[in-house]
Amino acid sequence: MFPHNRSSVPPPATPAASSQPLKFTFPETLDRIKEEFQFLQAQYHSLKMECEKLASEKTEMQRHYVMYYEMSYGLNLEMHKQFCFFIAKETCFVHRGIDFMVTGWACFDGGDRVSV
């Protein structure tokens, strides 16, 4: 708004300018108001665009979050199914082993079968 290269010493005042206050004409005031309004409009537009960009990024991040959540849930479910299958398979092997051991030891005891 103000120039950055202002010197600390004010310019020499003319006798006419120092005795009267600074007055703007009506067209000059309108021009200044128009310039400020255009500046504010440009600032509003840039802020609006930034807000829309952030909103679209937010939507994209939410979409990614849902996608990763679904993948994680699916992976967890698949691991649970695999674990249950593994437990069932191991249980079956253990039962077969016990059956084999019972019938196998019965064969070594003279051929007598032991019913389980």
PDB file of N, CA and C in Angstrom:
ATOM      1  N   MET A   1       0.813  -1.166   0.000  1.00  0.00           N
ATOM      2  CA  MET A   1       0.000   0.000   0.000  1.00  0.00           C
ATOM      3  C   MET A   1       0.865   1.240   0.000  1.00  0.00           C
ATOM      4  N   PHE A   2       1.865   1.278   0.879  1.00  0.00           N
ATOM      5  CA  PHE A   2       2.808   2.396   0.905  1.00  0.00           C
ATOM      6  C   PHE A   2       4.101   1.960   0.244  1.00  0.00           C
ATOM      7  N   PRO A   3       4.767   2.859  -0.449  1.00  0.00           N
ATOM      8  CA  PRO A   3       6.053   2.490  -1.052  1.00  0.00           C
ATOM      9  C   PRO A   3       7.067   2.209   0.051  1.00  0.00           C
ATOM     10  N   HIS A   4       7.915   1.220  -0.190  1.00  0.00           N
ATOM     11  CA  HIS A   4       8.901   0.801   0.802  1.00  0.00           C
ATOM     12  C   HIS A   4      10.149   1.680   0.802  1.00  0.00           C
ATOM     13  N   ASN A   5      10.341   2.476  -0.209  1.00  0.00           N
ATOM     14  CA  ASN A   5      11.552   3.282  -0.299  1.00  0.00           C
ATOM     15  C   ASN A   5      11.309   4.722   0.148  1.00  0.00           C
ATOM     16  N   ARG A   6      10.446   4.901   1.115  1.00  0.00           N
ATOM     17  CA  ARG A   6      10.172   6.253   1.612  1.00  0.00           C
ATOM     18  C   ARG A   6      11.338   6.718   2.466  1.00  0.00           C
ATOM     19  N   SER A   7      11.693   7.917   2.318  1.00  0.00           N
ATOM     20  CA  SER A   7      12.769   8.469   3.148  1.00  0.00           C
ATOM     21  C   SER A   7      12.158   9.039   4.416  1.00  0.00           C
ATOM     22  N   SER A   8      12.971   9.181   5.431  1.00  0.00           N
ATOM     23  CA  SER A   8      12.475   9.701   6.709  1.00  0.00           C
ATOM     24  C   SER A   8      12.315  11.220   6.683  1.00  0.00           C
ATOM     25  N   VAL A   9      12.895  11.863   5.709  1.00  0.00           N
ATOM     26  CA  VAL A   9      12.795  13.326   5.608  1.00  0.00           C
ATOM     27  C   VAL A   9      11.656  13.658   4.667  1.00  0.00           C
ATOM     28  N   PRO A  10      10.655  14.415   5.108  1.00  0.00           N
ATOM     29  CA  PRO A  10       9.543  14.753   4.218  1.00  0.00           C
ATOM     30  C   PRO A  10       9.994  15.737   3.147  1.00  0.00           C
ATOM     31  N   PRO A  11       9.335  15.758   2.001  1.00  0.00           N
ATOM     32  CA  PRO A  11       9.725  16.696   0.938  1.00  0.00           C
ATOM     33  C   PRO A  11       9.425  18.124   1.395  1.00  0.00           C
ATOM     34  N   PRO A  12      10.154  19.072   0.840  1.00  0.00           N
ATOM     35  CA  PRO A  12       9.914  20.463   1.255  1.00  0.00           C
ATOM     36  C   PRO A  12       8.498  20.891   0.885  1.00  0.00           C
ATOM     37  N   ALA A  13       7.833  21.546   1.794  1.00  0.00           N
ATOM     38  CA  ALA A  13       6.450  21.953   1.588  1.00  0.00           C
ATOM     39  C   ALA A  13       6.401  23.320   0.930  1.00  0.00           C
ATOM     40  N   THR A  14       5.482  23.462   0.026  1.00  0.00           N
ATOM     41  CA  THR A  14       5.272  24.770  -0.600  1.00  0.00           C
ATOM     42  C   THR A  14       4.327  25.574   0.285  1.00  0.00           C
ATOM     43  N   PRO A  15       4.396  26.851   0.251  1.00  0.00           N
ATOM     44  CA  PRO A  15       3.539  27.648   1.128  1.00  0.00           C
ATOM     45  C   PRO A  15       2.051  27.417   0.877  1.00  0.00           C
ATOM     46  N   ALA A  16       1.657  27.150  -0.362  1.00  0.00           N
ATOM     47  CA  ALA A  16       0.247  26.955  -0.656  1.00  0.00           C
ATOM     48  C   ALA A  16      -0.234  25.606  -0.121  1.00  0.00           C
ATOM     49  N   ALA A  17       0.619  24.573  -0.226  1.00  0.00           N
ATOM     50  CA  ALA A  17       0.233  23.233   0.193  1.00  0.00           C
ATOM     51  C   ALA A  17       0.197  23.115   1.708  1.00  0.00           C
ATOM     52  N   SER A  18       1.048  23.829   2.413  1.00  0.00           N
ATOM     53  CA  SER A  18       1.088  23.686   3.862  1.00  0.00           C
ATOM     54  C   SER A  18      -0.048  24.439   4.542  1.00  0.00           C
ATOM     55  N   SER A  19      -0.571  25.462   3.926  1.00  0.00           N
ATOM     56  CA  SER A  19      -1.623  26.246   4.557  1.00  0.00           C
ATOM     57  C   SER A  19      -3.008  25.642   4.332  1.00  0.00           C
ATOM     58  N   GLN A  20      -3.202  24.827   3.273  1.00  0.00           N
ATOM     59  CA  GLN A  20      -4.504  24.249   2.983  1.00  0.00           C
ATOM     60  C   GLN A  20      -4.453  22.728   3.176  1.00  0.00           C
ATOM     61  N   PRO A  21      -5.505  22.103   3.696  1.00  0.00           N
ATOM     62  CA  PRO A  21      -5.527  20.638   3.804  1.00  0.00           C
ATOM     63  C   PRO A  21      -5.624  20.005   2.420  1.00  0.00           C
ATOM     64  N   LEU A  22      -5.198  18.727   2.333  1.00  0.00           N
ATOM     65  CA  LEU A  22      -5.201  17.991   1.066  1.00  0.00           C
ATOM     66  C   LEU A  22      -6.638  17.658   0.689  1.00  0.00           C
ATOM     67  N   LYS A  23      -7.060  18.063  -0.488  1.00  0.00           N
ATOM     68  CA  LYS A  23      -8.428  17.822  -0.936  1.00  0.00           C
ATOM     69  C   LYS A  23      -8.398  17.020  -2.228  1.00  0.00           C
ATOM     70  N   PHE A  24      -9.303  16.032  -2.294  1.00  0.00           N
ATOM     71  CA  PHE A  24      -9.443  15.252  -3.508  1.00  0.00           C
ATOM     72  C   PHE A  24     -10.720  15.689  -4.203  1.00  0.00           C
ATOM     73  N   THR A  25     -10.650  15.628  -5.499  1.00  0.00           N
ATOM     74  CA  THR A  25     -11.852  15.944  -6.254  1.00  0.00           C
ATOM     75  C   THR A  25     -12.736  14.704  -6.287  1.00  0.00           C
ATOM     76  N   PHE A  26     -13.973  14.879  -6.677  1.00  0.00           N
ATOM     77  CA  PHE A  26     -14.922  13.778  -6.719  1.00  0.00           C
ATOM     78  C   PHE A  26     -14.475  12.666  -7.681  1.00  0.00           C
ATOM     79  N   PRO A  27     -14.032  12.960  -8.894  1.00  0.00           N
ATOM     80  CA  PRO A  27     -13.571  11.884  -9.800  1.00  0.00           C
ATOM     81  C   PRO A  27     -12.346  11.143  -9.255  1.00  0.00           C
ATOM     82  N   GLU A  28     -11.432  11.870  -8.598  1.00  0.00           N
ATOM     83  CA  GLU A  28     -10.260  11.211  -8.021  1.00  0.00           C
ATOM     84  C   GLU A  28     -10.680  10.246  -6.921  1.00  0.00           C
ATOM     85  N   THR A  29     -11.622  10.652  -6.087  1.00  0.00           N
ATOM     86  CA  THR A  29     -12.114   9.780  -5.017  1.00  0.00           C
ATOM     87  C   THR A  29     -12.791   8.548  -5.595  1.00  0.00           C
ATOM     88  N   LEU A  30     -13.594   8.755  -6.641  1.00  0.00           N
ATOM     89  CA  LEU A  30     -14.235   7.607  -7.286  1.00  0.00           C
ATOM     90  C   LEU A  30     -13.207   6.650  -7.889  1.00  0.00           C
ATOM     91  N   ASP A  31     -12.174   7.183  -8.498  1.00  0.00           N
ATOM     92  CA  ASP A  31     -11.118   6.342  -9.074  1.00  0.00           C
ATOM     93  C   ASP A  31     -10.409   5.532  -7.987  1.00  0.00           C
ATOM     94  N   ARG A  32     -10.115   6.177  -6.867  1.00  0.00           N
ATOM     95  CA  ARG A  32      -9.467   5.462  -5.763  1.00  0.00           C
ATOM     96  C   ARG A  32     -10.354   4.352  -5.226  1.00  0.00           C
ATOM     97  N   ILE A  33     -11.650   4.656  -5.071  1.00  0.00           N
ATOM     98  CA  ILE A  33     -12.585   3.631  -4.588  1.00  0.00           C
ATOM     99  C   ILE A  33     -12.681   2.487  -5.578  1.00  0.00           C
ATOM    100  N   LYS A  34     -12.714   2.821  -6.879  1.00  0.00           N
ATOM    101  CA  LYS A  34     -12.782   1.786  -7.917  1.00  0.00           C
ATOM    102  C   LYS A  34     -11.531   0.902  -7.883  1.00  0.00           C
ATOM    103  N   GLU A  35     -10.353   1.501  -7.740  1.00  0.00           N
ATOM    104  CA  GLU A  35      -9.105   0.736  -7.669  1.00  0.00           C
ATOM    105  C   GLU A  35      -9.098  -0.187  -6.449  1.00  0.00           C
ATOM    106  N   GLU A  36      -9.525   0.339  -5.296  1.00  0.00           N
ATOM    107  CA  GLU A  36      -9.561  -0.493  -4.096  1.00  0.00           C
ATOM    108  C   GLU A  36     -10.569  -1.628  -4.249  1.00  0.00           C
ATOM    109  N   PHE A  37     -11.716  -1.337  -4.869  1.00  0.00           N
ATOM    110  CA  PHE A  37     -12.713  -2.367  -5.081  1.00  0.00           C
ATOM    111  C   PHE A  37     -12.185  -3.453  -6.013  1.00  0.00           C
ATOM    112  N   GLN A  38     -11.494  -3.067  -7.071  1.00  0.00           N
ATOM    113  CA  GLN A  38     -10.924  -4.057  -7.984  1.00  0.00           C
ATOM    114  C   GLN A  38      -9.852  -4.891  -7.289  1.00  0.00           C
ATOM    115  N   PHE A  39      -9.058  -4.254  -6.454  1.00  0.00           N
ATOM    116  CA  PHE A  39      -8.043  -4.979  -5.692  1.00  0.00           C
ATOM    117  C   PHE A  39      -8.709  -5.996  -4.764  1.00  0.00           C
ATOM    118  N   LEU A  40      -9.766  -5.585  -4.067  1.00  0.00           N
ATOM    119  CA  LEU A  40     -10.477  -6.494  -3.169  1.00  0.00           C
ATOM    120  C   LEU A  40     -11.158  -7.620  -3.936  1.00  0.00           C
ATOM    121  N   GLN A  41     -11.684  -7.315  -5.116  1.00  0.00           N
ATOM    122  CA  GLN A  41     -12.284  -8.350  -5.950  1.00  0.00           C
ATOM    123  C   GLN A  41     -11.247  -9.378  -6.376  1.00  0.00           C
ATOM    124  N   ALA A  42     -10.070  -8.917  -6.774  1.00  0.00           N
ATOM    125  CA  ALA A  42      -9.000  -9.836  -7.181  1.00  0.00           C
ATOM    126  C   ALA A  42      -8.559 -10.698  -6.001  1.00  0.00           C
ATOM    127  N   GLN A  43      -8.452 -10.082  -4.839  1.00  0.00           N
ATOM    128  CA  GLN A  43      -8.072 -10.823  -3.647  1.00  0.00           C
ATOM    129  C   GLN A  43      -9.143 -11.864  -3.294  1.00  0.00           C
ATOM    130  N   TYR A  44     -10.413 -11.472  -3.380  1.00  0.00           N
ATOM    131  CA  TYR A  44     -11.514 -12.391  -3.121  1.00  0.00           C
ATOM    132  C   TYR A  44     -11.478 -13.559  -4.101  1.00  0.00           C
ATOM    133  N   HIS A  45     -11.241 -13.260  -5.363  1.00  0.00           N
ATOM    134  CA  HIS A  45     -11.201 -14.306  -6.383  1.00  0.00           C
ATOM    135  C   HIS A  45     -10.067 -15.301  -6.102  1.00  0.00           C
ATOM    136  N   SER A  46      -8.891 -14.785  -5.765  1.00  0.00           N
ATOM    137  CA  SER A  46      -7.771 -15.692  -5.501  1.00  0.00           C
ATOM    138  C   SER A  46      -8.035 -16.530  -4.254  1.00  0.00           C
ATOM    139  N   LEU A  47      -8.640 -15.935  -3.221  1.00  0.00           N
ATOM    140  CA  LEU A  47      -8.960 -16.705  -2.018  1.00  0.00           C
ATOM    141  C   LEU A  47     -10.043 -17.748  -2.294  1.00  0.00           C
ATOM    142  N   LYS A  48     -10.997 -17.387  -3.142  1.00  0.00           N
ATOM    143  CA  LYS A  48     -12.050 -18.334  -3.501  1.00  0.00           C
ATOM    144  C   LYS A  48     -11.464 -19.514  -4.276  1.00  0.00           C
ATOM    145  N   MET A  49     -10.569 -19.244  -5.191  1.00  0.00           N
ATOM    146  CA  MET A  49      -9.926 -20.317  -5.956  1.00  0.00           C
ATOM    147  C   MET A  49      -9.116 -21.224  -5.039  1.00  0.00           C
ATOM    148  N   GLU A  50      -8.399 -20.639  -4.092  1.00  0.00           N
ATOM    149  CA  GLU A  50      -7.617 -21.433  -3.144  1.00  0.00           C
ATOM    150  C   GLU A  50      -8.531 -22.300  -2.279  1.00  0.00           C
ATOM    151  N   CYS A  51      -9.669 -21.741  -1.874  1.00  0.00           N
ATOM    152  CA  CYS A  51     -10.638 -22.493  -1.071  1.00  0.00           C
ATOM    153  C   CYS A  51     -11.202 -23.671  -1.870  1.00  0.00           C
ATOM    154  N   GLU A  52     -11.529 -23.450  -3.130  1.00  0.00           N
ATOM    155  CA  GLU A  52     -12.035 -24.529  -3.980  1.00  0.00           C
ATOM    156  C   GLU A  52     -10.975 -25.608  -4.190  1.00  0.00           C
ATOM    157  N   LYS A  53      -9.735 -25.186  -4.347  1.00  0.00           N
ATOM    158  CA  LYS A  53      -8.639 -26.150  -4.506  1.00  0.00           C
ATOM    159  C   LYS A  53      -8.494 -26.994  -3.254  1.00  0.00           C
ATOM    160  N   LEU A  54      -8.543 -26.363  -2.084  1.00  0.00           N
ATOM    161  CA  LEU A  54      -8.441 -27.108  -0.826  1.00  0.00           C
ATOM    162  C   LEU A  54      -9.632 -28.041  -0.634  1.00  0.00           C
ATOM    163  N   ALA A  55     -10.812 -27.612  -1.044  1.00  0.00           N
ATOM    164  CA  ALA A  55     -11.990 -28.469  -0.931  1.00  0.00           C
ATOM    165  C   ALA A  55     -11.857 -29.697  -1.828  1.00  0.00           C
ATOM    166  N   SER A  56     -11.336 -29.511  -3.030  1.00  0.00           N
ATOM    167  CA  SER A  56     -11.154 -30.666  -3.919  1.00  0.00           C
ATOM    168  C   SER A  56     -10.067 -31.601  -3.386  1.00  0.00           C
ATOM    169  N   GLU A  57      -9.011 -31.036  -2.790  1.00  0.00           N
ATOM    170  CA  GLU A  57      -7.977 -31.873  -2.181  1.00  0.00           C
ATOM    171  C   GLU A  57      -8.537 -32.650  -0.994  1.00  0.00           C
ATOM    172  N   LYS A  58      -9.400 -32.006  -0.224  1.00  0.00           N
ATOM    173  CA  LYS A  58     -10.035 -32.676   0.912  1.00  0.00           C
ATOM    174  C   LYS A  58     -10.878 -33.847   0.428  1.00  0.00           C
ATOM    175  N   THR A  59     -11.655 -33.628  -0.632  1.00  0.00           N
ATOM    176  CA  THR A  59     -12.481 -34.692  -1.187  1.00  0.00           C
ATOM    177  C   THR A  59     -11.612 -35.845  -1.677  1.00  0.00           C
ATOM    178  N   GLU A  60     -10.509 -35.507  -2.324  1.00  0.00           N
ATOM    179  CA  GLU A  60      -9.597 -36.533  -2.825  1.00  0.00           C
ATOM    180  C   GLU A  60      -8.978 -37.330  -1.671  1.00  0.00           C
ATOM    181  N   MET A  61      -8.600 -36.633  -0.596  1.00  0.00           N
ATOM    182  CA  MET A  61      -8.027 -37.319   0.567  1.00  0.00           C
ATOM    183  C   MET A  61      -9.059 -38.226   1.227  1.00  0.00           C
ATOM    184  N   GLN A  62     -10.302 -37.784   1.307  1.00  0.00           N
ATOM    185  CA  GLN A  62     -11.352 -38.624   1.878  1.00  0.00           C
ATOM    186  C   GLN A  62     -11.581 -39.861   1.020  1.00  0.00           C
ATOM    187  N   ARG A  63     -11.526 -39.689  -0.288  1.00  0.00           N
ATOM    188  CA  ARG A  63     -11.704 -40.830  -1.188  1.00  0.00           C
ATOM    189  C   ARG A  63     -10.578 -41.841  -0.999  1.00  0.00           C
ATOM    190  N   HIS A  64      -9.343 -41.344  -0.868  1.00  0.00           N
ATOM    191  CA  HIS A  64      -8.210 -42.242  -0.624  1.00  0.00           C
ATOM    192  C   HIS A  64      -8.353 -42.946   0.724  1.00  0.00           C
ATOM    193  N   TYR A  65      -8.820 -42.207   1.737  1.00  0.00           N
ATOM    194  CA  TYR A  65      -8.994 -42.805   3.052  1.00  0.00           C
ATOM    195  C   TYR A  65      -9.990 -43.954   2.987  1.00  0.00           C
ATOM    196  N   VAL A  66     -11.118 -43.741   2.303  1.00  0.00           N
ATOM    197  CA  VAL A  66     -12.127 -44.795   2.191  1.00  0.00           C
ATOM    198  C   VAL A  66     -11.555 -45.987   1.431  1.00  0.00           C
ATOM    199  N   MET A  67     -10.805 -45.716   0.367  1.00  0.00           N
ATOM    200  CA  MET A  67     -10.219 -46.802  -0.421  1.00  0.00           C
ATOM    201  C   MET A  67      -9.246 -47.621   0.433  1.00  0.00           C
ATOM    202  N   TYR A  68      -8.380 -46.953   1.197  1.00  0.00           N
ATOM    203  CA  TYR A  68      -7.436 -47.677   2.049  1.00  0.00           C
ATOM    204  C   TYR A  68      -8.153 -48.418   3.175  1.00  0.00           C
ATOM    205  N   TYR A  69      -9.212 -47.830   3.705  1.00  0.00           N
ATOM    206  CA  TYR A  69      -9.974 -48.494   4.749  1.00  0.00           C
ATOM    207  C   TYR A  69     -10.600 -49.777   4.212  1.00  0.00           C
ATOM    208  N   GLU A  70     -11.184 -49.711   3.020  1.00  0.00           N
ATOM    209  CA  GLU A  70     -11.793 -50.900   2.423  1.00  0.00           C
ATOM    210  C   GLU A  70     -10.745 -51.967   2.138  1.00  0.00           C
ATOM    211  N   MET A  71      -9.589 -51.547   1.640  1.00  0.00           N
ATOM    212  CA  MET A  71      -8.523 -52.516   1.382  1.00  0.00           C
ATOM    213  C   MET A  71      -8.061 -53.156   2.681  1.00  0.00           C
ATOM    214  N   SER A  72      -7.890 -52.367   3.723  1.00  0.00           N
ATOM    215  CA  SER A  72      -7.455 -52.885   5.017  1.00  0.00           C
ATOM    216  C   SER A  72      -8.477 -53.858   5.590  1.00  0.00           C
ATOM    217  N   TYR A  73      -9.748 -53.502   5.498  1.00  0.00           N
ATOM    218  CA  TYR A  73     -10.798 -54.380   5.999  1.00  0.00           C
ATOM    219  C   TYR A  73     -10.812 -55.697   5.218  1.00  0.00           C
ATOM    220  N   GLY A  74     -10.704 -55.607   3.896  1.00  0.00           N
ATOM    221  CA  GLY A  74     -10.672 -56.811   3.072  1.00  0.00           C
ATOM    222  C   GLY A  74      -9.477 -57.693   3.391  1.00  0.00           C
ATOM    223  N   LEU A  75      -8.316 -57.072   3.598  1.00  0.00           N
ATOM    224  CA  LEU A  75      -7.121 -57.840   3.942  1.00  0.00           C
ATOM    225  C   LEU A  75      -7.276 -58.506   5.307  1.00  0.00           C
ATOM    226  N   ASN A  76      -7.827 -57.789   6.268  1.00  0.00           N
ATOM    227  CA  ASN A  76      -8.046 -58.350   7.595  1.00  0.00           C
ATOM    228  C   ASN A  76      -9.016 -59.528   7.524  1.00  0.00           C
ATOM    229  N   LEU A  77     -10.078 -59.393   6.738  1.00  0.00           N
ATOM    230  CA  LEU A  77     -11.050 -60.468   6.583  1.00  0.00           C
ATOM    231  C   LEU A  77     -10.409 -61.688   5.918  1.00  0.00           C
ATOM    232  N   GLU A  78      -9.608 -61.442   4.902  1.00  0.00           N
ATOM    233  CA  GLU A  78      -8.933 -62.545   4.210  1.00  0.00           C
ATOM    234  C   GLU A  78      -7.948 -63.258   5.140  1.00  0.00           C
ATOM    235  N   MET A  79      -7.228 -62.504   5.936  1.00  0.00           N
ATOM    236  CA  MET A  79      -6.296 -63.125   6.887  1.00  0.00           C
ATOM    237  C   MET A  79      -7.052 -63.956   7.919  1.00  0.00           C
ATOM    238  N   HIS A  80      -8.196 -63.476   8.364  1.00  0.00           N
ATOM    239  CA  HIS A  80      -9.010 -64.225   9.321  1.00  0.00           C
ATOM    240  C   HIS A  80      -9.495 -65.538   8.695  1.00  0.00           C
ATOM    241  N   LYS A  81      -9.951 -65.474   7.425  1.00  0.00           N
ATOM    242  CA  LYS A  81     -10.395 -66.698   6.750  1.00  0.00           C
ATOM    243  C   LYS A  81      -9.243 -67.690   6.600  1.00  0.00           C
ATOM    244  N   GLN A  82      -8.070 -67.184   6.221  1.00  0.00           N
ATOM    245  CA  GLN A  82      -6.909 -68.062   6.068  1.00  0.00           C
ATOM    246  C   GLN A  82      -6.534 -68.702   7.401  1.00  0.00           C
ATOM    247  N   PHE A  83      -6.606 -67.911   8.465  1.00  0.00           N
ATOM    248  CA  PHE A  83      -6.270 -68.434   9.788  1.00  0.00           C
ATOM    249  C   PHE A  83      -7.270 -69.512  10.204  1.00  0.00           C
ATOM    250  N   CYS A  84      -8.558 -69.279   9.974  1.00  0.00           N
ATOM    251  CA  CYS A  84      -9.571 -70.282  10.320  1.00  0.00           C
ATOM    252  C   CYS A  84      -9.367 -71.553   9.497  1.00  0.00           C
ATOM    253  N   PHE A  85      -9.042 -71.398   8.225  1.00  0.00           N
ATOM    254  CA  PHE A  85      -8.775 -72.561   7.382  1.00  0.00           C
ATOM    255  C   PHE A  85      -7.553 -73.328   7.900  1.00  0.00           C
ATOM    256  N   PHE A  86      -6.516 -72.601   8.285  1.00  0.00           N
ATOM    257  CA  PHE A  86      -5.309 -73.224   8.812  1.00  0.00           C
ATOM    258  C   PHE A  86      -5.617 -74.000  10.095  1.00  0.00           C
ATOM    259  N   ILE A  87      -6.402 -73.414  10.993  1.00  0.00           N
ATOM    260  CA  ILE A  87      -6.751 -74.078  12.254  1.00  0.00           C
ATOM    261  C   ILE A  87      -7.556 -75.339  11.975  1.00  0.00           C
ATOM    262  N   ALA A  88      -8.519 -75.251  11.064  1.00  0.00           N
ATOM    263  CA  ALA A  88      -9.331 -76.423  10.730  1.00  0.00           C
ATOM    264  C   ALA A  88      -8.460 -77.520  10.124  1.00  0.00           C
ATOM    265  N   LYS A  89      -7.531 -77.138   9.259  1.00  0.00           N
ATOM    266  CA  LYS A  89      -6.639 -78.105   8.620  1.00  0.00           C
ATOM    267  C   LYS A  89      -5.730 -78.768   9.657  1.00  0.00           C
ATOM    268  N   GLU A  90      -5.172 -77.979  10.547  1.00  0.00           N
ATOM    269  CA  GLU A  90      -4.303 -78.533  11.585  1.00  0.00           C
ATOM    270  C   GLU A  90      -5.079 -79.438  12.539  1.00  0.00           C
ATOM    271  N   THR A  91      -6.297 -79.060  12.864  1.00  0.00           N
ATOM    272  CA  THR A  91      -7.128 -79.898  13.736  1.00  0.00           C
ATOM    273  C   THR A  91      -7.389 -81.244  13.070  1.00  0.00           C
ATOM    274  N   CYS A  92      -7.664 -81.232  11.784  1.00  0.00           N
ATOM    275  CA  CYS A  92      -7.893 -82.469  11.042  1.00  0.00           C
ATOM    276  C   CYS A  92      -6.643 -83.346  11.045  1.00  0.00           C
ATOM    277  N   PHE A  93      -5.468 -82.714  10.841  1.00  0.00           N
ATOM    278  CA  PHE A  93      -4.219 -83.479  10.874  1.00  0.00           C
ATOM    279  C   PHE A  93      -3.977 -84.084  12.253  1.00  0.00           C
ATOM    280  N   VAL A  94      -4.259 -83.347  13.284  1.00  0.00           N
ATOM    281  CA  VAL A  94      -4.060 -83.858  14.644  1.00  0.00           C
ATOM    282  C   VAL A  94      -4.985 -85.040  14.905  1.00  0.00           C
ATOM    283  N   HIS A  95      -6.254 -84.930  14.500  1.00  0.00           N
ATOM    284  CA  HIS A  95      -7.186 -86.047  14.709  1.00  0.00           C
ATOM    285  C   HIS A  95      -6.757 -87.281  13.924  1.00  0.00           C
ATOM    286  N   ARG A  96      -6.298 -87.075  12.696  1.00  0.00           N
ATOM    287  CA  ARG A  96      -5.811 -88.215  11.896  1.00  0.00           C
ATOM    288  C   ARG A  96      -4.585 -88.838  12.542  1.00  0.00           C
ATOM    289  N   GLY A  97      -3.718 -87.995  13.052  1.00  0.00           N
ATOM    290  CA  GLY A  97      -2.522 -88.517  13.715  1.00  0.00           C
ATOM    291  C   GLY A  97      -2.874 -89.312  14.949  1.00  0.00           C
ATOM    292  N   ILE A  98      -3.838 -88.809  15.724  1.00  0.00           N
ATOM    293  CA  ILE A  98      -4.246 -89.536  16.928  1.00  0.00           C
ATOM    294  C   ILE A  98      -4.880 -90.864  16.541  1.00  0.00           C
ATOM    295  N   ASP A  99      -5.746 -90.864  15.511  1.00  0.00           N
ATOM    296  CA  ASP A  99      -6.361 -92.107  15.044  1.00  0.00           C
ATOM    297  C   ASP A  99      -5.301 -93.092  14.566  1.00  0.00           C
ATOM    298  N   PHE A 100      -4.327 -92.570  13.831  1.00  0.00           N
ATOM    299  CA  PHE A 100      -3.264 -93.452  13.332  1.00  0.00           C
ATOM    300  C   PHE A 100      -2.446 -94.016  14.484  1.00  0.00           C
ATOM    301  N   MET A 101      -2.147 -93.178  15.456  1.00  0.00           N
ATOM    302  CA  MET A 101      -1.348 -93.638  16.587  1.00  0.00           C
ATOM    303  C   MET A 101      -2.101 -94.692  17.390  1.00  0.00           C
ATOM    304  N   VAL A 102      -3.393 -94.489  17.578  1.00  0.00           N
ATOM    305  CA  VAL A 102      -4.177 -95.455  18.357  1.00  0.00           C
ATOM    306  C   VAL A 102      -4.243 -96.782  17.615  1.00  0.00           C
ATOM    307  N   THR A 103      -4.535 -96.756  16.320  1.00  0.00           N
ATOM    308  CA  THR A 103      -4.622 -97.998  15.557  1.00  0.00           C
ATOM    309  C   THR A 103      -3.243 -98.594  15.323  1.00  0.00           C
ATOM    310  N   GLY A 104      -2.241 -97.763  15.152  1.00  0.00           N
ATOM    311  CA  GLY A 104      -0.884 -98.250  14.923  1.00  0.00           C
ATOM    312  C   GLY A 104      -0.327 -98.941  16.157  1.00  0.00           C
ATOM    313  N   TRP A 105      -0.521 -98.389  17.332  1.00  0.00           N
ATOM    314  CA  TRP A 105      -0.033 -99.011  18.557  1.00  0.00           C
ATOM    315  C   TRP A 105      -0.801-100.292  18.844  1.00  0.00           C
ATOM    316  N   ALA A 106      -2.038-100.316  18.433  1.00  0.00           N
ATOM    317  CA  ALA A 106      -2.818-101.538  18.643  1.00  0.00           C
ATOM    318  C   ALA A 106      -2.245-102.670  17.801  1.00  0.00           C
ATOM    319  N   CYS A 107      -1.708-102.373  16.634  1.00  0.00           N
ATOM    320  CA  CYS A 107      -1.115-103.397  15.782  1.00  0.00           C
ATOM    321  C   CYS A 107       0.146-103.962  16.422  1.00  0.00           C
ATOM    322  N   PHE A 108       0.905-103.141  17.120  1.00  0.00           N
ATOM    323  CA  PHE A 108       2.134-103.619  17.745  1.00  0.00           C
ATOM    324  C   PHE A 108       1.859-104.414  19.025  1.00  0.00           C
ATOM    325  N   ASP A 109       0.677-104.316  19.539  1.00  0.00           N
ATOM    326  CA  ASP A 109       0.340-105.021  20.780  1.00  0.00           C
ATOM    327  C   ASP A 109      -0.174-106.411  20.502  1.00  0.00           C
ATOM    328  N   GLY A 110       0.058-106.933  19.396  1.00  0.00           N
ATOM    329  CA  GLY A 110      -0.350-108.292  19.101  1.00  0.00           C
ATOM    330  C   GLY A 110      -1.534-108.355  18.176  1.00  0.00           C
ATOM    331  N   GLY A 111      -1.875-107.313  17.540  1.00  0.00           N
ATOM    332  CA  GLY A 111      -2.936-107.345  16.549  1.00  0.00           C
ATOM    333  C   GLY A 111      -4.299-107.046  17.103  1.00  0.00           C
ATOM    334  N   ASP A 112      -4.394-106.849  18.380  1.00  0.00           N
ATOM    335  CA  ASP A 112      -5.719-106.525  18.939  1.00  0.00           C
ATOM    336  C   ASP A 112      -6.085-105.076  18.572  1.00  0.00           C
ATOM    337  N   ARG A 113      -7.241-104.923  18.072  1.00  0.00           N
ATOM    338  CA  ARG A 113      -7.694-103.573  17.708  1.00  0.00           C
ATOM    339  C   ARG A 113      -8.385-102.945  18.905  1.00  0.00           C
ATOM    340  N   VAL A 114      -8.062-101.709  19.068  1.00  0.00           N
ATOM    341  CA  VAL A 114      -8.695-100.963  20.147  1.00  0.00           C
ATOM    342  C   VAL A 114      -9.694-100.006  19.508  1.00  0.00           C
ATOM    343  N   SER A 115     -10.906-100.045  19.956  1.00  0.00           N
ATOM    344  CA  SER A 115     -11.908 -99.143  19.381  1.00  0.00           C
ATOM    345  C   SER A 115     -11.861 -97.810  20.137  1.00  0.00           C
ATOM    346  N   VAL A 116     -12.004 -96.815  19.371  1.00  0.00           N
ATOM    347  CA  VAL A 116     -11.955 -95.484  19.972  1.00  0.00           C
ATOM    348  C   VAL A 116     -13.332 -94.864  19.968  1.00  0.00           C
TER     349      VAL A 116
END
